[in-house]
C-alpha atoms as a PDB file:
ATOM      1  CA  MET A   1      27.838  14.819 -87.520  1.00  0.00           C
ATOM      2  CA  ARG A   2      29.012  17.247 -84.849  1.00  0.00           C
ATOM      3  CA  LEU A   3      29.031  20.011 -87.474  1.00  0.00           C
ATOM      4  CA  VAL A   4      25.436  19.262 -88.484  1.00  0.00           C
ATOM      5  CA  LEU A   5      24.326  19.297 -84.843  1.00  0.00           C
ATOM      6  CA  SER A   6      26.209  22.541 -84.233  1.00  0.00           C
ATOM      7  CA  ILE A   7      24.584  24.185 -87.241  1.00  0.00           C
ATOM      8  CA  GLY A   8      21.141  22.905 -86.235  1.00  0.00           C
ATOM      9  CA  LEU A   9      21.653  24.192 -82.696  1.00  0.00           C
ATOM     10  CA  PHE A  10      22.838  27.556 -83.985  1.00  0.00           C
ATOM     11  CA  VAL A  11      19.877  27.921 -86.323  1.00  0.00           C
ATOM     12  CA  GLY A  12      17.491  26.941 -83.539  1.00  0.00           C
ATOM     13  CA  LEU A  13      19.003  29.417 -81.084  1.00  0.00           C
ATOM     14  CA  ALA A  14      19.030  32.183 -83.683  1.00  0.00           C
ATOM     15  CA  PHE A  15      15.353  31.505 -84.421  1.00  0.00           C
ATOM     16  CA  LEU A  16      14.423  31.567 -80.744  1.00  0.00           C
ATOM     17  CA  ALA A  17      16.354  34.769 -80.190  1.00  0.00           C
ATOM     18  CA  GLY A  18      14.513  36.404 -83.087  1.00  0.00           C
ATOM     19  CA  CYS A  19      17.749  36.717 -85.029  1.00  0.00           C
ATOM     20  CA  ALA A  20      17.231  35.925 -88.703  1.00  0.00           C
ATOM     21  CA  THR A  21      20.869  35.879 -89.763  1.00  0.00           C
ATOM     22  CA  LEU A  22      23.703  33.370 -89.844  1.00  0.00           C
ATOM     23  CA  SER A  23      27.299  34.090 -88.954  1.00  0.00           C
ATOM     24  CA  LYS A  24      30.141  33.468 -91.369  1.00  0.00           C
ATOM     25  CA  SER A  25      30.940  29.968 -90.085  1.00  0.00           C
ATOM     26  CA  PRO A  26      27.499  28.415 -90.699  1.00  0.00           C
ATOM     27  CA  CYS A  27      27.399  30.155 -94.087  1.00  0.00           C
ATOM     28  CA  GLN A  28      30.744  28.617 -95.067  1.00  0.00           C
ATOM     29  CA  THR A  29      30.071  25.122 -93.799  1.00  0.00           C
ATOM     30  CA  GLY A  30      26.297  25.158 -94.078  1.00  0.00           C
ATOM     31  CA  ASP A  31      24.469  21.987 -94.815  1.00  0.00           C
ATOM     32  CA  TRP A  32      21.650  23.855 -96.540  1.00  0.00           C
ATOM     33  CA  GLN A  33      19.319  20.894 -96.437  1.00  0.00           C
ATOM     34  CA  GLN A  34      19.767  20.674 -92.674  1.00  0.00           C
ATOM     35  CA  ILE A  35      19.382  24.435 -92.185  1.00  0.00           C
ATOM     36  CA  GLY A  36      16.256  24.421 -94.359  1.00  0.00           C
ATOM     37  CA  PHE A  37      14.959  21.394 -92.467  1.00  0.00           C
ATOM     38  CA  GLY A  38      15.430  23.239 -89.167  1.00  0.00           C
ATOM     39  CA  ASP A  39      13.524  26.223 -90.507  1.00  0.00           C
ATOM     40  CA  GLY A  40      10.647  24.070 -91.751  1.00  0.00           C
ATOM     41  CA  ALA A  41      10.517  21.921 -88.621  1.00  0.00           C
ATOM     42  CA  SER A  42      10.286  25.066 -86.480  1.00  0.00           C
ATOM     43  CA  GLY A  43       7.429  26.511 -88.549  1.00  0.00           C
ATOM     44  CA  ALA A  44       9.403  29.425 -89.976  1.00  0.00           C
ATOM     45  CA  ASP A  45       7.986  30.791 -93.187  1.00  0.00           C
ATOM     46  CA  SER A  46       9.858  30.395 -96.461  1.00  0.00           C
ATOM     47  CA  SER A  47      11.095  34.000 -96.311  1.00  0.00           C
ATOM     48  CA  ARG A  48      13.595  32.707 -93.768  1.00  0.00           C
ATOM     49  CA  PHE A  49      15.698  31.607 -96.756  1.00  0.00           C
ATOM     50  CA  ALA A  50      15.994  35.240 -97.879  1.00  0.00           C
ATOM     51  CA  ASP A  51      17.271  36.140 -94.411  1.00  0.00           C
ATOM     52  CA  HIS A  52      19.939  33.427 -94.650  1.00  0.00           C
ATOM     53  CA  GLN A  53      20.803  34.524 -98.177  1.00  0.00           C
ATOM     54  CA  LYS A  54      21.246  38.122 -97.075  1.00  0.00           C
ATOM     55  CA  ALA A  55      23.377  37.173 -94.066  1.00  0.00           C
ATOM     56  CA  CYS A  56      25.637  34.911 -96.104  1.00  0.00           C
ATOM     57  CA  SER A  57      25.960  37.400 -98.968  1.00  0.00           C
ATOM     58  CA  GLU A  58      27.504  39.815 -96.445  1.00  0.00           C
ATOM     59  CA  HIS A  59      30.303  37.242 -96.155  1.00  0.00           C
ATOM     60  CA  GLY A  60      30.495  36.710 -99.925  1.00  0.00           C
ATOM     61  CA  ILE A  61      28.909  33.271 -99.699  1.00  0.00           C
ATOM     62  CA  THR A  62      26.130  31.951-101.945  1.00  0.00           C
ATOM     63  CA  VAL A  63      23.332  29.912-100.447  1.00  0.00           C
ATOM     64  CA  ASP A  64      22.071  26.771-102.187  1.00  0.00           C
ATOM     65  CA  ARG A  65      18.356  27.555-102.532  1.00  0.00           C
ATOM     66  CA  ALA A  66      17.402  24.159-103.975  1.00  0.00           C
ATOM     67  CA  GLN A  67      19.037  22.283-101.094  1.00  0.00           C
ATOM     68  CA  SER A  68      17.574  24.668 -98.531  1.00  0.00           C
ATOM     69  CA  MET A  69      14.051  24.372 -99.934  1.00  0.00           C
ATOM     70  CA  GLN A  70      14.324  20.592-100.150  1.00  0.00           C
ATOM     71  CA  GLY A  71      15.236  20.498 -96.462  1.00  0.00           C
ATOM     72  CA  TYR A  72      12.591  23.110 -95.655  1.00  0.00           C
ATOM     73  CA  ASN A  73       9.837  21.008 -97.261  1.00  0.00           C
ATOM     74  CA  ARG A  74      10.975  17.931 -95.301  1.00  0.00           C
ATOM     75  CA  GLY A  75      10.906  20.019 -92.120  1.00  0.00           C
ATOM     76  CA  LEU A  76       7.384  21.224 -92.886  1.00  0.00           C
ATOM     77  CA  ARG A  77       6.197  17.625 -93.158  1.00  0.00           C
ATOM     78  CA  GLN A  78       7.424  17.147 -89.593  1.00  0.00           C
ATOM     79  CA  TYR A  79       5.893  20.429 -88.418  1.00  0.00           C
ATOM     80  CA  CYS A  80       2.505  20.289 -90.162  1.00  0.00           C
ATOM     81  CA  THR A  81       0.886  17.723 -87.891  1.00  0.00           C
ATOM     82  CA  PRO A  82      -2.060  17.943 -85.509  1.00  0.00           C
ATOM     83  CA  ALA A  83       0.239  17.107 -82.580  1.00  0.00           C
ATOM     84  CA  LYS A  84       2.565  20.004 -83.426  1.00  0.00           C
ATOM     85  CA  ALA A  85      -0.424  22.309 -83.914  1.00  0.00           C
ATOM     86  CA  ALA A  86      -1.601  21.453 -80.403  1.00  0.00           C
ATOM     87  CA  GLU A  87       1.887  22.046 -79.001  1.00  0.00           C
ATOM     88  CA  VAL A  88       2.288  25.406 -80.740  1.00  0.00           C
ATOM     89  CA  GLY A  89      -1.173  26.618 -79.698  1.00  0.00           C
ATOM     90  CA  LEU A  90      -0.883  25.452 -76.093  1.00  0.00           C
ATOM     91  CA  ASP A  91       2.464  27.241 -75.821  1.00  0.00           C
ATOM     92  CA  GLY A  92       0.851  30.419 -77.144  1.00  0.00           C
ATOM     93  CA  ARG A  93       3.270  30.631 -80.058  1.00  0.00           C
ATOM     94  CA  SER A  94       2.396  32.214 -83.367  1.00  0.00           C
ATOM     95  CA  TYR A  95       1.519  30.164 -86.413  1.00  0.00           C
ATOM     96  CA  ARG A  96       2.770  31.582 -89.696  1.00  0.00           C
ATOM     97  CA  ASN A  97       0.329  29.731 -92.002  1.00  0.00           C
ATOM     98  CA  VAL A  98       3.111  27.615 -93.484  1.00  0.00           C
ATOM     99  CA  CYS A  99       1.145  24.375 -93.783  1.00  0.00           C
ATOM    100  CA  GLN A 100      -0.654  23.855 -97.079  1.00  0.00           C
ATOM    101  CA  GLY A 101      -3.500  21.705 -98.333  1.00  0.00           C
ATOM    102  CA  GLU A 102      -5.266  19.256 -96.056  1.00  0.00           C
ATOM    103  CA  GLU A 103      -2.402  19.404 -93.534  1.00  0.00           C
ATOM    104  CA  GLY A 104      -2.849  23.163 -93.389  1.00  0.00           C
ATOM    105  CA  ILE A 105      -6.572  22.850 -92.746  1.00  0.00           C
ATOM    106  CA  SER A 106      -5.964  20.335 -89.969  1.00  0.00           C
ATOM    107  CA  PHE A 107      -3.150  22.369 -88.452  1.00  0.00           C
ATOM    108  CA  GLN A 108      -5.317  25.489 -88.363  1.00  0.00           C
ATOM    109  CA  ARG A 109      -8.280  23.726 -86.731  1.00  0.00           C
ATOM    110  CA  VAL A 110      -6.153  22.116 -84.022  1.00  0.00           C
ATOM    111  CA  TYR A 111      -4.065  25.254 -83.502  1.00  0.00           C
ATOM    112  CA  ILE A 112      -7.170  27.416 -82.943  1.00  0.00           C
ATOM    113  CA  ALA A 113      -8.565  24.932 -80.407  1.00  0.00           C
ATOM    114  CA  ALA A 114      -5.207  24.745 -78.608  1.00  0.00           C
ATOM    115  CA  LYS A 115      -4.862  28.528 -78.613  1.00  0.00           C
ATOM    116  CA  GLN A 116      -8.253  28.747 -76.878  1.00  0.00           C
ATOM    117  CA  VAL A 117      -6.955  26.474 -74.110  1.00  0.00           C
ATOM    118  CA  HIS A 118      -3.887  28.716 -73.842  1.00  0.00           C
ATOM    119  CA  GLU A 119      -6.076  31.809 -73.542  1.00  0.00           C
ATOM    120  CA  VAL A 120      -8.042  30.211 -70.697  1.00  0.00           C
ATOM    121  CA  ASP A 121      -4.727  29.297 -69.050  1.00  0.00           C
ATOM    122  CA  GLN A 122      -3.690  32.949 -69.292  1.00  0.00           C
ATOM    123  CA  GLU A 123      -6.940  34.024 -67.648  1.00  0.00           C
ATOM    124  CA  ILE A 124      -6.464  31.444 -64.880  1.00  0.00           C
ATOM    125  CA  GLN A 125      -2.949  32.748 -64.277  1.00  0.00           C
ATOM    126  CA  SER A 126      -4.222  36.320 -64.133  1.00  0.00           C
ATOM    127  CA  ILE A 127      -6.906  35.429 -61.574  1.00  0.00           C
ATOM    128  CA  GLN A 128      -4.402  33.446 -59.503  1.00  0.00           C
ATOM    129  CA  ASN A 129      -2.094  36.459 -59.466  1.00  0.00           C
ATOM    130  CA  GLU A 130      -4.952  38.683 -58.275  1.00  0.00           C
ATOM    131  CA  ILE A 131      -5.842  36.170 -55.562  1.00  0.00           C
ATOM    132  CA  GLU A 132      -2.225  36.115 -54.423  1.00  0.00           C
ATOM    133  CA  GLN A 133      -2.077  39.925 -54.247  1.00  0.00           C
ATOM    134  CA  ILE A 134      -5.358  40.172 -52.315  1.00  0.00           C
ATOM    135  CA  THR A 135      -4.277  37.423 -49.943  1.00  0.00           C
ATOM    136  CA  LYS A 136      -1.091  39.369 -49.184  1.00  0.00           C
ATOM    137  CA  LYS A 137      -3.105  42.550 -48.543  1.00  0.00           C
ATOM    138  CA  ILE A 138      -5.471  40.701 -46.230  1.00  0.00           C
ATOM    139  CA  ALA A 139      -2.496  39.299 -44.292  1.00  0.00           C
ATOM    140  CA  ASP A 140      -0.829  42.715 -44.036  1.00  0.00           C
ATOM    141  CA  PRO A 141      -1.251  44.073 -40.475  1.00  0.00           C
ATOM    142  CA  ALA A 142      -1.499  47.610 -41.902  1.00  0.00           C
ATOM    143  CA  THR A 143      -4.742  46.734 -43.749  1.00  0.00           C
ATOM    144  CA  SER A 144      -7.815  48.044 -41.941  1.00  0.00           C
ATOM    145  CA  GLN A 145     -10.658  45.734 -40.948  1.00  0.00           C
ATOM    146  CA  LYS A 146     -13.022  47.483 -43.354  1.00  0.00           C
ATOM    147  CA  GLU A 147     -10.540  46.999 -46.209  1.00  0.00           C
ATOM    148  CA  ARG A 148     -10.051  43.335 -45.209  1.00  0.00           C
ATOM    149  CA  GLU A 149     -13.801  42.757 -45.441  1.00  0.00           C
ATOM    150  CA  LYS A 150     -13.916  44.320 -48.909  1.00  0.00           C
ATOM    151  CA  LEU A 151     -10.875  42.280 -49.974  1.00  0.00           C
ATOM    152  CA  ALA A 152     -12.493  39.100 -48.626  1.00  0.00           C
ATOM    153  CA  ARG A 153     -15.579  39.761 -50.791  1.00  0.00           C
ATOM    154  CA  ASP A 154     -13.324  40.384 -53.792  1.00  0.00           C
ATOM    155  CA  LEU A 155     -11.490  37.174 -52.994  1.00  0.00           C
ATOM    156  CA  ASN A 156     -14.764  35.226 -52.973  1.00  0.00           C
ATOM    157  CA  TRP A 157     -15.690  36.593 -56.405  1.00  0.00           C
ATOM    158  CA  LEU A 158     -12.220  35.802 -57.735  1.00  0.00           C
ATOM    159  CA  ASN A 159     -12.477  32.216 -56.467  1.00  0.00           C
ATOM    160  CA  PHE A 160     -15.856  31.956 -58.191  1.00  0.00           C
ATOM    161  CA  ASP A 161     -14.263  33.270 -61.409  1.00  0.00           C
ATOM    162  CA  LEU A 162     -11.336  30.883 -61.019  1.00  0.00           C
ATOM    163  CA  ASN A 163     -13.639  27.871 -60.689  1.00  0.00           C
ATOM    164  CA  ARG A 164     -15.562  29.019 -63.763  1.00  0.00           C
ATOM    165  CA  GLU A 165     -12.302  29.298 -65.726  1.00  0.00           C
ATOM    166  CA  TYR A 166     -11.203  25.814 -64.603  1.00  0.00           C
ATOM    167  CA  ARG A 167     -14.495  24.426 -65.910  1.00  0.00           C
ATOM    168  CA  ALA A 168     -14.015  26.353 -69.159  1.00  0.00           C
ATOM    169  CA  ARG A 169     -10.488  24.967 -69.453  1.00  0.00           C
ATOM    170  CA  SER A 170     -11.740  21.402 -69.043  1.00  0.00           C
ATOM    171  CA  GLN A 171     -14.313  21.986 -71.756  1.00  0.00           C
ATOM    172  CA  GLU A 172     -11.773  23.619 -74.114  1.00  0.00           C
ATOM    173  CA  GLU A 173      -9.288  20.825 -73.467  1.00  0.00           C
ATOM    174  CA  ARG A 174     -11.904  18.176 -74.295  1.00  0.00           C
ATOM    175  CA  GLU A 175     -12.737  20.070 -77.469  1.00  0.00           C
ATOM    176  CA  LEU A 176      -9.045  20.214 -78.387  1.00  0.00           C
ATOM    177  CA  ARG A 177      -8.617  16.467 -77.857  1.00  0.00           C
ATOM    178  CA  ASN A 178     -11.715  15.772 -79.985  1.00  0.00           C
ATOM    179  CA  ILE A 179     -10.614  18.049 -82.826  1.00  0.00           C
ATOM    180  CA  GLN A 180      -7.072  16.672 -82.753  1.00  0.00           C
ATOM    181  CA  ALA A 181      -8.352  13.074 -82.884  1.00  0.00           C
ATOM    182  CA  GLN A 182     -10.747  13.937 -85.729  1.00  0.00           C
ATOM    183  CA  GLU A 183      -8.004  15.618 -87.729  1.00  0.00           C
ATOM    184  CA  GLU A 184      -5.493  12.819 -87.158  1.00  0.00           C
ATOM    185  CA  ALA A 185      -8.093  10.295 -88.331  1.00  0.00           C
ATOM    186  CA  ARG A 186      -9.052  12.462 -91.324  1.00  0.00           C
ATOM    187  CA  LEU A 187      -5.431  12.845 -92.422  1.00  0.00           C
ATOM    188  CA  ALA A 188      -4.808   9.120 -91.986  1.00  0.00           C
ATOM    189  CA  ARG A 189      -7.642   8.411 -94.444  1.00  0.00           C
ATOM    190  CA  LEU A 190      -6.133  10.642 -97.146  1.00  0.00           C
END
């Protein structure tokens, strides 16, 4: 069990680091179903297998494609859900179009709605950063009174923009919840 957890952790860390290869040890002791499952559950596309195959071939080790793909398909079933689509979109992560059929349609709809919430969050963060910078300039004793007045006007506009973005976020979040609920109900009926 410890070996399976170690391999799963290694695959997960390699994926997060952008590294598409396995070292010799996971290639030798690889539970290909578990490695494939990890790839599918993380939303990696099926070309990930070719990366593993290439890495292991450098160590003279053959990868069990059937086992890997069986695990990969199980992992996709865990990944291709409306809840995961919302998580991936809200985090601003990329979706590699790995979900097929009705699950793929649902994933895409929820992911797009969640990505819109993420984009509003990015805009809110940008405005908050600007507000912070202007506030520091206003507080700086070296800032002239004329500049402070201009900065105060800018700050008012930024606060107006920030409130508008908060309202937009609430609307986008409601839309996301509605789409996610619709898609979960639709998939449950299939």
